[in-house]
Amino acid sequence: MPSRKTSVRAGFAPWVALALALVLVDQLTKQAVLLSFKLGERMPVMPGFFDLTLLFNSGAAFSLLANAGGWQRWLFIGIGVGATAFICWMLWRHGSQRLFSFALSLILGGAIGNIIDRVLLGAVVDFLLFYWRGSYFPAFNVADSAITIGAALLIIDELLRVRRSR
């Protein structure tokens, strides 16, 4: 019979593998854009709604602190590394909770993908641009999408957990 320690590790590995696969997809898509576009260049995919572009975001979500002078790069790298360590610890302890661990894996993969950009480039590569009639949603990337979906799934997981406990 496997020990608890073995079963915990077995529950951890698939979630980390998922996160690493997401990092790979994120980095490959960013490389494709870096090789195909000049800064600010846009290619309409669905004219009037969705373009591919190349932008760099030295800030956080919605370019928060983007013009802070450079120190924010190290702050966001530190936050990302801390979040990565905490998420790995949570996956190690709770790998058997499927929705919770799936959500954390998405966040983990997204965080690592954006950390790589900050370390190597000093900013995050964004390339997905949605807009409608002159209103633009800030450009984002695969990592940002994974973090957002993961956060939404964490909320759903908690709502389901509360509902089950009633």
Foldseek 3Di string as FASTA:
>chain_A
DDDPLVVLVVLLVVLLVLLVVLLVVQVVVLVVQVVPADAADWDDPPPQWKIWHKYWALAPAVNVCSVVPQPRLVVLLVVLVVLLVVLSVVCSVPSVPPLLSNLSSLLNSLSVNQSVCCVPPVTGIFTIWTDHPPGTRDTHTSSVVSNVVSVVSNVVVVVVVVVVVD
